[in-house]
Protein backbone atom coordinates (compact mmCIF):
# COMPACT_ATOMS: atom_id res chain seq x y z
CA MET A 1 -21.29 5.53 -103.58
CA TRP A 2 -19.99 2.29 -105.12
CA LYS A 3 -16.50 3.85 -105.21
CA LEU A 4 -16.53 3.96 -101.40
CA ASN A 5 -17.58 0.34 -100.90
CA PHE A 6 -13.98 -0.71 -100.30
CA LEU A 7 -14.05 1.38 -97.11
CA HIS A 8 -16.57 -1.04 -95.61
CA ASP A 9 -14.05 -3.87 -95.67
CA ILE A 10 -11.32 -1.64 -94.26
CA ALA A 11 -13.52 -0.37 -91.43
CA THR A 12 -14.72 -3.86 -90.60
CA SER A 13 -11.15 -5.20 -90.50
CA ILE A 14 -9.99 -2.39 -88.22
CA PHE A 15 -12.88 -2.56 -85.75
CA TRP A 16 -13.56 -6.32 -85.75
CA PRO A 17 -11.33 -7.03 -82.69
CA LEU A 18 -13.24 -4.36 -80.79
CA THR A 19 -16.83 -4.91 -81.91
CA LEU A 20 -16.54 -8.63 -82.77
CA GLY A 21 -18.86 -8.42 -85.75
CA SER A 22 -18.57 -9.09 -89.45
CA SER A 23 -21.06 -6.36 -90.34
CA GLU A 24 -19.89 -2.82 -90.99
CA ALA A 25 -22.99 -1.70 -89.02
CA LYS A 26 -21.19 -2.20 -85.70
CA ALA A 27 -18.25 -0.10 -86.81
CA VAL A 28 -20.62 2.64 -87.95
CA VAL A 29 -22.59 2.55 -84.68
CA PHE A 30 -19.35 2.67 -82.68
CA LEU A 31 -18.07 5.70 -84.59
CA VAL A 32 -21.44 7.48 -84.34
CA LEU A 33 -21.66 6.89 -80.58
CA MET A 34 -18.10 7.96 -79.86
CA GLY A 35 -18.20 10.93 -82.20
CA SER A 36 -21.54 12.17 -80.87
CA LEU A 37 -20.39 11.93 -77.23
CA LEU A 38 -17.33 14.05 -77.96
CA PHE A 39 -19.21 16.47 -80.18
CA LEU A 40 -22.08 17.00 -77.72
CA ASN A 41 -19.59 17.50 -74.91
CA TYR A 42 -17.93 20.20 -76.99
CA LEU A 43 -21.25 21.91 -77.76
CA LEU A 44 -22.43 21.82 -74.14
CA SER A 45 -19.15 23.04 -72.66
CA SER A 46 -18.65 25.78 -75.26
CA GLY A 47 -22.22 27.13 -75.06
CA ILE A 48 -22.60 27.48 -78.83
CA PHE A 49 -26.33 26.65 -78.92
CA THR A 50 -27.26 26.81 -75.24
CA SER A 51 -26.01 28.43 -72.08
CA LYS A 52 -22.60 27.06 -71.21
CA PHE A 53 -22.80 23.78 -69.31
CA THR A 54 -19.65 22.69 -67.50
CA ILE A 55 -19.16 20.58 -64.41
CA GLU A 56 -16.72 22.48 -62.25
CA ASP A 57 -16.24 19.73 -59.68
CA ILE A 58 -14.36 16.69 -60.98
CA SER A 59 -15.93 14.58 -58.21
CA LEU A 60 -19.33 15.06 -59.90
CA SER A 61 -17.96 13.76 -63.20
CA ARG A 62 -16.52 10.79 -61.31
CA LYS A 63 -19.89 10.20 -59.63
CA TYR A 64 -21.63 10.01 -63.02
CA LEU A 65 -18.92 7.67 -64.26
CA LYS A 66 -19.76 5.43 -61.30
CA TYR A 67 -23.46 5.58 -62.26
CA THR A 68 -22.47 4.56 -65.80
CA VAL A 69 -20.50 1.56 -64.56
CA ILE A 70 -23.32 0.46 -62.22
CA LEU A 71 -25.97 0.73 -64.95
CA ILE A 72 -23.83 -1.25 -67.38
CA LEU A 73 -23.17 -4.01 -64.84
CA PHE A 74 -26.88 -4.10 -64.00
CA THR A 75 -27.74 -4.49 -67.69
CA TYR A 76 -25.23 -7.33 -68.15
CA THR A 77 -26.64 -9.12 -65.10
CA VAL A 78 -30.26 -8.78 -66.24
CA ALA A 79 -29.34 -10.21 -69.66
CA ILE A 80 -27.85 -13.29 -67.99
CA LEU A 81 -30.95 -13.68 -65.79
CA ILE A 82 -33.19 -13.54 -68.89
CA GLU A 83 -31.02 -16.24 -70.50
CA VAL A 84 -31.49 -18.39 -67.40
CA TRP A 85 -35.25 -17.76 -67.41
CA LEU A 86 -35.51 -18.76 -71.08
CA ARG A 87 -33.88 -22.13 -70.44
CA LEU A 88 -35.94 -22.80 -67.34
CA GLN A 89 -39.09 -22.24 -69.42
CA PHE A 90 -38.11 -25.12 -71.71
CA GLY A 91 -36.43 -27.29 -69.08
CA VAL A 92 -33.02 -27.39 -70.75
CA SER A 93 -29.48 -26.94 -69.47
CA LEU A 94 -28.25 -23.42 -68.80
CA PHE A 95 -25.17 -24.28 -70.83
CA THR A 96 -26.86 -24.29 -74.20
CA VAL A 97 -27.09 -22.05 -77.24
CA PHE A 98 -30.64 -21.18 -78.23
CA VAL A 99 -31.33 -20.75 -81.94
CA SER A 100 -34.55 -19.15 -83.15
CA MET A 101 -35.38 -19.94 -86.76
CA ASN A 102 -38.25 -17.72 -87.92
CA PRO A 103 -38.11 -15.53 -89.87
CA ASP A 104 -34.30 -15.47 -89.69
CA VAL A 105 -31.72 -17.40 -87.71
CA SER A 106 -30.66 -15.78 -84.42
CA THR A 107 -28.58 -17.24 -81.60
CA THR A 108 -28.19 -16.41 -77.92
CA SER A 109 -26.50 -17.88 -74.86
CA ILE A 110 -25.25 -16.93 -71.41
CA ILE A 111 -21.78 -16.47 -72.87
CA HIS A 112 -22.89 -14.31 -75.81
CA THR A 113 -26.39 -12.96 -75.33
CA HIS A 114 -28.66 -11.29 -77.89
CA VAL A 115 -31.81 -10.92 -75.75
CA PHE A 116 -31.58 -7.12 -75.66
CA LYS A 117 -30.63 -6.99 -79.31
CA SER A 118 -33.87 -8.81 -80.15
CA VAL A 119 -36.01 -6.25 -78.31
CA LEU A 120 -34.16 -3.31 -79.80
CA GLY A 121 -34.18 -4.93 -83.24
CA TYR A 122 -37.91 -5.63 -83.07
CA SER A 123 -38.63 -2.08 -81.90
CA VAL A 124 -36.51 -0.56 -84.67
CA THR A 125 -37.89 -2.78 -87.45
CA THR A 126 -41.45 -2.10 -86.27
CA THR A 127 -40.77 1.63 -86.40
CA LEU A 128 -38.57 1.89 -89.50
CA GLY A 129 -39.52 -1.26 -91.41
CA ALA A 130 -38.01 -1.39 -94.88
CA VAL A 131 -35.60 1.47 -94.12
CA ILE A 132 -33.19 -0.98 -92.45
CA PRO A 133 -30.79 -2.61 -94.95
CA SER A 134 -31.27 -6.36 -95.39
CA ASN A 135 -27.63 -7.09 -94.51
CA ILE A 136 -28.06 -5.75 -90.96
CA HIS A 137 -29.05 -8.50 -88.55
CA THR A 138 -31.51 -7.25 -85.93
CA GLY A 139 -32.08 -10.53 -84.04
CA ASP A 140 -35.82 -9.89 -83.92
CA SER A 141 -36.68 -13.59 -84.40
CA LEU A 142 -35.70 -14.06 -80.72
CA PHE A 143 -38.21 -11.46 -79.61
CA ARG A 144 -41.19 -13.76 -78.95
CA PHE A 145 -39.07 -16.02 -76.74
CA VAL A 146 -37.63 -13.27 -74.57
CA SER A 147 -38.98 -12.10 -71.21
CA PRO A 148 -40.76 -8.71 -71.21
CA LEU A 149 -38.12 -7.64 -68.71
CA ALA A 150 -35.80 -7.16 -71.70
CA TYR A 151 -37.73 -3.97 -72.56
CA ILE A 152 -35.66 -2.15 -69.93
CA ILE A 153 -32.90 -1.85 -72.54
CA LEU A 154 -34.99 0.83 -74.28
CA PHE A 155 -34.69 2.98 -71.13
CA ILE A 156 -31.21 2.04 -69.93
CA LEU A 157 -29.43 2.66 -73.25
CA PRO A 158 -30.25 6.40 -73.42
CA LEU A 159 -29.67 6.70 -69.67
CA VAL A 160 -26.15 5.23 -69.96
CA TYR A 161 -25.47 7.53 -72.91
CA ILE A 162 -26.45 10.57 -70.82
CA THR A 163 -24.45 9.56 -67.74
CA SER A 164 -21.44 8.87 -70.00
CA LEU A 165 -21.82 12.32 -71.57
CA ILE A 166 -21.80 13.99 -68.16
CA ALA A 167 -18.90 11.79 -66.97
CA ILE A 168 -16.76 13.11 -69.84
CA ASP A 169 -16.95 16.73 -68.70
CA ASN A 170 -14.18 18.55 -66.81
CA ARG A 171 -11.48 16.09 -67.83
CA ARG A 172 -8.30 16.14 -69.85
CA GLU A 173 -8.76 15.70 -73.58
CA LEU A 174 -7.11 12.26 -73.49
CA TYR A 175 -9.39 11.13 -70.66
CA LYS A 176 -12.44 12.40 -72.56
CA LEU A 177 -11.35 10.35 -75.55
CA ILE A 178 -10.87 7.20 -73.45
CA ILE A 179 -14.25 7.49 -71.71
CA ALA A 180 -16.08 8.17 -74.99
CA PHE A 181 -14.28 5.20 -76.58
CA ALA A 182 -15.05 2.86 -73.65
CA ALA A 183 -18.65 4.01 -73.22
CA SER A 184 -19.37 3.50 -76.93
CA LEU A 185 -18.05 -0.06 -76.81
CA SER A 186 -20.02 -0.73 -73.63
CA LEU A 187 -23.25 0.50 -75.22
CA ILE A 188 -22.67 -1.92 -78.10
CA GLY A 189 -21.86 -4.74 -75.66
CA MET A 190 -25.05 -4.09 -73.71
CA VAL A 191 -27.11 -4.79 -76.82
CA ASP A 192 -24.97 -7.34 -78.64
CA GLY A 193 -22.96 -9.91 -76.69
CA GLY A 194 -23.41 -9.07 -73.05
CA MET A 195 -20.90 -9.19 -70.21
CA PHE A 196 -18.37 -11.61 -71.72
CA SER A 197 -18.24 -10.18 -75.26
CA ASN A 198 -15.28 -8.25 -76.68
CA PRO A 199 -16.89 -4.78 -76.79
CA ALA A 200 -18.36 -5.24 -73.30
CA MET A 201 -15.10 -6.33 -71.70
CA ILE A 202 -12.92 -3.73 -73.43
CA GLY A 203 -15.42 -0.96 -72.77
CA PHE A 204 -15.95 -1.92 -69.13
CA ALA A 205 -12.20 -2.16 -68.57
CA GLY A 206 -11.76 1.36 -69.93
CA LEU A 207 -14.55 2.85 -67.82
CA ILE A 208 -13.60 1.20 -64.57
CA GLY A 209 -9.95 2.03 -65.18
CA MET A 210 -10.85 5.70 -65.60
CA TYR A 211 -12.95 5.57 -62.43
CA PHE A 212 -10.01 4.44 -60.31
CA ILE A 213 -7.51 6.87 -61.82
CA LYS A 214 -6.73 9.88 -59.63
CA LYS A 215 -4.42 12.89 -59.72
CA PRO A 216 -1.49 12.55 -59.83
CA PHE A 217 -1.63 9.39 -61.92
CA SER A 218 0.07 6.26 -60.58
CA PRO A 219 0.19 2.77 -62.15
CA GLN A 220 -1.05 1.45 -58.81
CA HIS A 221 -4.44 3.00 -59.59
CA LEU A 222 -4.94 0.32 -62.24
CA ILE A 223 -4.42 -2.65 -59.91
CA LYS A 224 -8.02 -2.83 -58.65
CA PRO A 225 -9.71 -2.43 -62.06
CA THR A 226 -7.33 -4.99 -63.56
CA ILE A 227 -8.27 -7.52 -60.86
CA ILE A 228 -12.00 -6.87 -61.39
CA VAL A 229 -11.73 -7.31 -65.16
CA LEU A 230 -9.63 -10.48 -64.78
CA ILE A 231 -12.26 -11.94 -62.43
CA ILE A 232 -15.01 -11.33 -65.01
CA LEU A 233 -12.84 -12.85 -67.74
CA LEU A 234 -12.17 -15.93 -65.60
CA VAL A 235 -15.87 -16.31 -64.80
CA GLY A 236 -16.72 -16.20 -68.51
CA LEU A 237 -13.97 -18.66 -69.40
CA SER A 238 -15.03 -20.98 -66.56
CA LEU A 239 -18.63 -20.97 -67.80
CA GLU A 240 -17.54 -21.70 -71.36
CA ILE A 241 -15.18 -24.53 -70.37
CA GLY A 242 -17.23 -25.88 -67.45
CA GLY A 243 -20.44 -25.85 -69.49
CA SER A 244 -18.90 -27.72 -72.42
CA ASN A 245 -20.11 -31.18 -73.41
CA PRO A 246 -17.19 -32.74 -75.34
CA ASP A 247 -18.91 -36.13 -75.77
CA HIS A 248 -21.90 -35.14 -77.86
CA HIS A 249 -24.35 -32.35 -78.71
CA GLU A 250 -27.71 -32.64 -77.00
CA ILE A 251 -30.20 -30.84 -79.23
CA THR A 252 -33.68 -29.96 -77.99
CA ILE A 253 -35.99 -29.06 -80.89
CA ILE A 254 -39.03 -26.97 -79.99
CA HIS A 255 -42.29 -26.75 -81.93
CA GLN A 256 -41.16 -29.02 -84.74
CA THR A 257 -43.61 -28.81 -87.65
CA GLN A 258 -42.00 -31.14 -90.22
CA PRO A 259 -39.86 -34.29 -90.18
CA VAL A 260 -36.09 -33.66 -90.11
CA ASP A 261 -33.57 -35.54 -92.22
CA THR A 262 -30.87 -36.76 -89.79
CA SER A 263 -28.95 -38.88 -92.29
CA GLY A 264 -26.05 -36.42 -92.30
CA TYR A 265 -25.46 -36.75 -88.55
CA ASP A 266 -23.97 -39.36 -86.23
CA VAL A 267 -27.13 -39.74 -84.14
CA SER A 268 -26.84 -41.54 -80.81
CA SER A 269 -30.47 -41.25 -79.75
CA ILE A 270 -33.75 -39.48 -80.52
CA GLU A 271 -36.54 -39.02 -78.00
CA THR A 272 -39.83 -37.13 -78.34
CA LYS A 273 -41.63 -35.79 -75.27
CA ASP A 274 -43.90 -32.84 -74.42
CA ASN A 275 -43.89 -31.38 -77.94
CA ARG A 276 -40.09 -31.47 -77.93
CA THR A 277 -37.62 -33.70 -79.69
CA VAL A 278 -34.31 -34.38 -77.96
CA MET A 279 -31.55 -35.62 -80.25
CA ASP A 280 -27.99 -36.57 -79.32
CA ILE A 281 -25.37 -36.31 -82.06
CA LYS A 282 -21.61 -36.65 -82.23
CA SER A 283 -19.55 -34.25 -84.31
CA SER A 284 -15.87 -34.10 -85.25
CA VAL A 285 -15.97 -30.46 -86.47
CA ASN A 286 -16.02 -27.26 -84.44
CA ASP A 287 -19.24 -25.86 -83.06
CA ARG A 288 -19.49 -23.07 -85.61
CA LYS A 289 -19.65 -25.55 -88.50
CA THR A 290 -22.04 -27.77 -86.57
CA LEU A 291 -24.38 -24.84 -85.94
CA VAL A 292 -24.36 -23.82 -89.60
CA GLN A 293 -25.31 -27.38 -90.55
CA LEU A 294 -28.09 -27.40 -87.95
CA PHE A 295 -29.41 -24.08 -89.28
CA SER A 296 -29.96 -25.70 -92.68
CA THR A 297 -31.45 -28.86 -91.19
CA PHE A 298 -34.12 -27.17 -89.06
CA LYS A 299 -34.90 -24.13 -91.22
CA GLY A 300 -38.64 -24.06 -91.88
CA LYS A 301 -39.16 -27.25 -89.87
CA ALA A 302 -39.06 -25.95 -86.29
CA ASP A 303 -39.38 -22.69 -84.39
CA GLY A 304 -35.99 -23.18 -82.83
CA PHE A 305 -33.68 -25.44 -80.87
CA PHE A 306 -31.26 -25.54 -77.97
CA THR A 307 -27.88 -27.20 -78.34
CA THR A 308 -25.05 -27.84 -75.92
CA TRP A 309 -21.62 -26.54 -76.88
CA ASN A 310 -18.11 -27.95 -76.97
CA PHE A 311 -15.44 -25.37 -76.23
CA TYR A 312 -12.68 -27.86 -77.06
CA SER A 313 -13.95 -28.36 -80.63
CA TYR A 314 -12.12 -25.20 -81.72
CA PHE A 315 -8.68 -26.62 -80.91
């Protein structure tokens, strides 16, 4: 197997723009989802193992594609609502990144949510335990902070898979390929990233585009889906820019158990109230580097923290 290790890097490089993840696990999941949708469609329509199942009416396939789109949008919306609920519980700004520290570091925000990933990760690790490779990040440290409502992902994921499978039937081979591709990305986006993530946006664009396409094809069919996708993109960008705090990072530490060394930060103020410590710092580096530094600072000394973000720090 070591001779095939180089394929991991190749697969990750190819699929990173789609799945937005450094782990080869996302690429593998994507390929498994897409391949299984196409393969199952072939088995069902050919009647190899069961009586032949084929949707004769294209309008029924289109109806199930609509169900798929609605379920995906519903899932994205619920994830955002859970993110809002989490911040209201701790009385912090909605425009913050939450970082859970124990046992591993996991992050989540309205812009890039991992609330469903934490529930799925916890469920999988509880069931499979040591079978999961250590390099695969399950996000289960977020689990105890997430609303029980997040459990719906365990029901919606298989439901979206089934509606996507039915939506593929009775279509041209190219259209089958596009729907399987888009549905697979959407399923990944539902769990990891949410509405404004790369896989979610690309997958949703593909599905809604296929929904509006009719026979005979006309480029005008793509006007409505393009507008819808652009609106979602603009909403996400507006939240990221509008929610930025370019002046400083306001960090709210929860359940701090040990003193924290702040000598490496430009601290403006520190205030302790209601079992929380609120610290304002200024940083001249981008948010990614700031977060990595904060991970090291609070590891083993707090259950987690919220921090504001600065979109402009990346330029």
